[in-house]
Amino acid sequence: MSEHTAVVRWSRGDHEFTYEKYSRDHTLEFDNGATVKASSAPAWFGDPAGVDPEEMLVAALSSCHMLTFLAVAAKSGYLVERYEDHPVGFLEKNEQGRLAITRVSLRPRIDFGGDRRPDPSTIERMHAKAHANCFIANSVRTAVSIAL
């Protein structure tokens, strides 16, 4: 239905190319012109000023869920004023004993406006529908939970 592209750029520069010394810094360039400074996580010799792939996965899951939730809310006639999430991803060993982001906990806080506001059970159903229709959640094996 659609294609999504990015450019990932890395070069050695003047760094020694051994496991402990090579630079993990790289850039991610997107078709809209946005450029993101990226690196590996500090635990893997990365620069803490860069965004690491694990953070990007967690953010992508949260962003996709939010965008899908907003669509569900709008189609249901609810007015969302604010949406904020502080998701947490867990890097752990999976069933095969390999490191993976095995689970992500989304912790959205939503402010509704207008006269018509959903009750807690409706909000829960809206989150379930958003999760079931989130492109990114449908693309990964990571368990995603929503803590309300």
Protein backbone atom coordinates (compact mmCIF):
# COMPACT_ATOMS: atom_id res chain seq x y z
CA MET A 1 0.00 0.00 0.00
CA SER A 2 2.88 2.38 0.72
CA GLU A 3 6.64 2.43 1.06
CA HIS A 4 8.66 4.11 3.80
CA THR A 5 12.32 4.96 3.42
CA ALA A 6 15.18 6.43 5.37
CA VAL A 7 18.89 6.94 4.83
CA VAL A 8 21.24 5.63 7.52
CA ARG A 9 24.75 7.10 7.32
CA TRP A 10 27.88 6.03 9.22
CA SER A 11 31.56 6.50 8.55
CA ARG A 12 34.63 5.44 10.49
CA GLY A 13 36.27 8.86 10.47
CA ASP A 14 39.54 8.84 12.37
CA HIS A 15 38.42 6.22 14.90
CA GLU A 16 40.30 2.96 15.29
CA PHE A 17 38.16 0.10 14.02
CA THR A 18 38.15 -2.30 16.96
CA TYR A 19 35.05 -3.37 18.86
CA GLU A 20 35.68 -1.07 21.82
CA LYS A 21 36.79 1.95 19.76
CA TYR A 22 34.77 2.32 16.56
CA SER A 23 32.19 5.09 16.61
CA ARG A 24 28.58 4.06 16.97
CA ASP A 25 27.44 7.56 15.93
CA HIS A 26 25.41 7.78 12.76
CA THR A 27 22.61 9.84 11.25
CA LEU A 28 19.12 8.94 10.16
CA GLU A 29 17.70 11.04 7.35
CA PHE A 30 14.04 11.05 6.42
CA ASP A 31 12.24 12.10 3.25
CA ASN A 32 10.87 15.25 4.89
CA GLY A 33 14.42 16.50 5.52
CA ALA A 34 14.52 15.63 9.23
CA THR A 35 17.87 14.32 10.43
CA VAL A 36 18.32 12.49 13.72
CA LYS A 37 21.64 11.97 15.50
CA ALA A 38 21.74 8.32 16.45
CA SER A 39 24.11 6.01 18.27
CA SER A 40 24.01 2.77 20.18
CA ALA A 41 22.98 2.80 23.82
CA PRO A 42 25.74 3.89 26.23
CA ALA A 43 25.95 0.31 27.54
CA TRP A 44 27.10 -0.67 24.02
CA PHE A 45 29.73 2.10 23.69
CA GLY A 46 27.28 4.63 22.27
CA ASP A 47 26.96 8.36 22.75
CA PRO A 48 24.15 9.21 25.21
CA ALA A 49 23.43 12.35 23.13
CA GLY A 50 22.25 10.14 20.26
CA VAL A 51 18.98 8.27 19.99
CA ASP A 52 19.54 4.52 20.13
CA PRO A 53 17.57 1.92 18.12
CA GLU A 54 15.90 0.55 21.23
CA GLU A 55 14.55 4.01 22.11
CA MET A 56 13.39 4.45 18.53
CA LEU A 57 11.46 1.18 18.64
CA VAL A 58 9.78 2.15 21.92
CA ALA A 59 8.97 5.63 20.56
CA ALA A 60 7.65 4.17 17.29
CA LEU A 61 5.29 1.84 19.18
CA SER A 62 4.08 4.70 21.37
CA SER A 63 3.70 7.13 18.47
CA CYS A 64 1.80 4.63 16.34
CA HIS A 65 -0.51 3.73 19.23
CA MET A 66 -1.17 7.41 19.93
CA LEU A 67 -1.93 8.23 16.29
CA THR A 68 -4.25 5.23 16.02
CA PHE A 69 -5.93 6.11 19.34
CA LEU A 70 -6.52 9.68 18.13
CA ALA A 71 -8.15 8.30 14.97
CA VAL A 72 -10.37 5.99 17.04
CA ALA A 73 -11.34 8.87 19.35
CA ALA A 74 -12.10 11.25 16.48
CA LYS A 75 -14.21 8.65 14.66
CA SER A 76 -16.06 7.95 17.93
CA GLY A 77 -16.90 11.63 18.42
CA TYR A 78 -14.60 12.33 21.37
CA LEU A 79 -12.49 15.47 21.63
CA VAL A 80 -8.91 14.82 22.73
CA GLU A 81 -7.14 17.90 24.06
CA ARG A 82 -3.81 16.33 25.08
CA TYR A 83 -2.10 12.97 24.91
CA GLU A 84 1.18 12.20 26.64
CA ASP A 85 2.94 8.89 27.03
CA HIS A 86 6.05 7.80 28.90
CA PRO A 87 6.61 4.34 27.41
CA VAL A 88 9.17 1.89 28.77
CA GLY A 89 10.83 -0.84 26.74
CA PHE A 90 12.56 -3.80 28.35
CA LEU A 91 15.72 -5.25 26.81
CA GLU A 92 15.79 -8.84 28.01
CA LYS A 93 16.61 -12.30 26.76
CA ASN A 94 13.85 -13.77 24.65
CA GLU A 95 12.77 -17.42 24.42
CA GLN A 96 15.82 -18.20 22.28
CA GLY A 97 18.16 -16.60 24.83
CA ARG A 98 18.84 -13.60 22.56
CA LEU A 99 18.65 -9.98 23.64
CA ALA A 100 15.48 -8.31 22.40
CA ILE A 101 13.02 -5.63 23.37
CA THR A 102 10.65 -8.28 24.68
CA ARG A 103 7.95 -5.98 25.99
CA VAL A 104 6.92 -2.36 25.98
CA SER A 105 4.63 -0.73 28.50
CA LEU A 106 2.71 2.26 27.19
CA ARG A 107 1.53 4.65 29.89
CA PRO A 108 -0.68 7.17 28.12
CA ARG A 109 -2.38 10.06 29.91
CA ILE A 110 -5.16 11.63 27.92
CA ASP A 111 -7.18 14.78 28.54
CA PHE A 112 -10.57 14.86 26.86
CA GLY A 113 -12.51 18.04 26.24
CA GLY A 114 -16.03 18.86 25.17
CA ASP A 115 -19.33 17.72 26.65
CA ARG A 116 -19.04 14.05 25.66
CA ARG A 117 -16.34 12.17 27.55
CA PRO A 118 -15.63 8.44 27.49
CA ASP A 119 -15.92 6.40 30.68
CA PRO A 120 -12.98 4.18 31.77
CA SER A 121 -14.34 1.04 30.08
CA THR A 122 -14.82 2.94 26.80
CA ILE A 123 -11.27 4.28 27.03
CA GLU A 124 -10.02 0.73 27.58
CA ARG A 125 -11.91 -0.48 24.47
CA MET A 126 -10.54 2.45 22.48
CA HIS A 127 -6.99 1.49 23.50
CA ALA A 128 -7.65 -2.14 22.55
CA LYS A 129 -8.91 -1.04 19.13
CA ALA A 130 -5.92 1.29 18.70
CA HIS A 131 -3.52 -1.52 19.62
CA ALA A 132 -5.19 -3.97 17.23
CA ASN A 133 -4.88 -1.47 14.38
CA CYS A 134 -1.42 -0.01 15.10
CA PHE A 135 0.84 -0.73 12.11
CA ILE A 136 3.98 -0.93 14.23
CA ALA A 137 2.49 -3.17 16.94
CA ASN A 138 1.27 -5.45 14.15
CA SER A 139 4.85 -5.60 12.82
CA VAL A 140 6.73 -6.77 15.92
CA ARG A 141 6.77 -9.73 18.27
CA THR A 142 7.28 -7.46 21.27
CA ALA A 143 4.51 -7.67 23.85
CA VAL A 144 2.84 -4.28 24.20
CA SER A 145 0.72 -3.45 27.24
CA ILE A 146 -1.20 -0.31 28.07
CA ALA A 147 -1.13 0.76 31.70
CA LEU A 148 -4.11 2.98 32.39
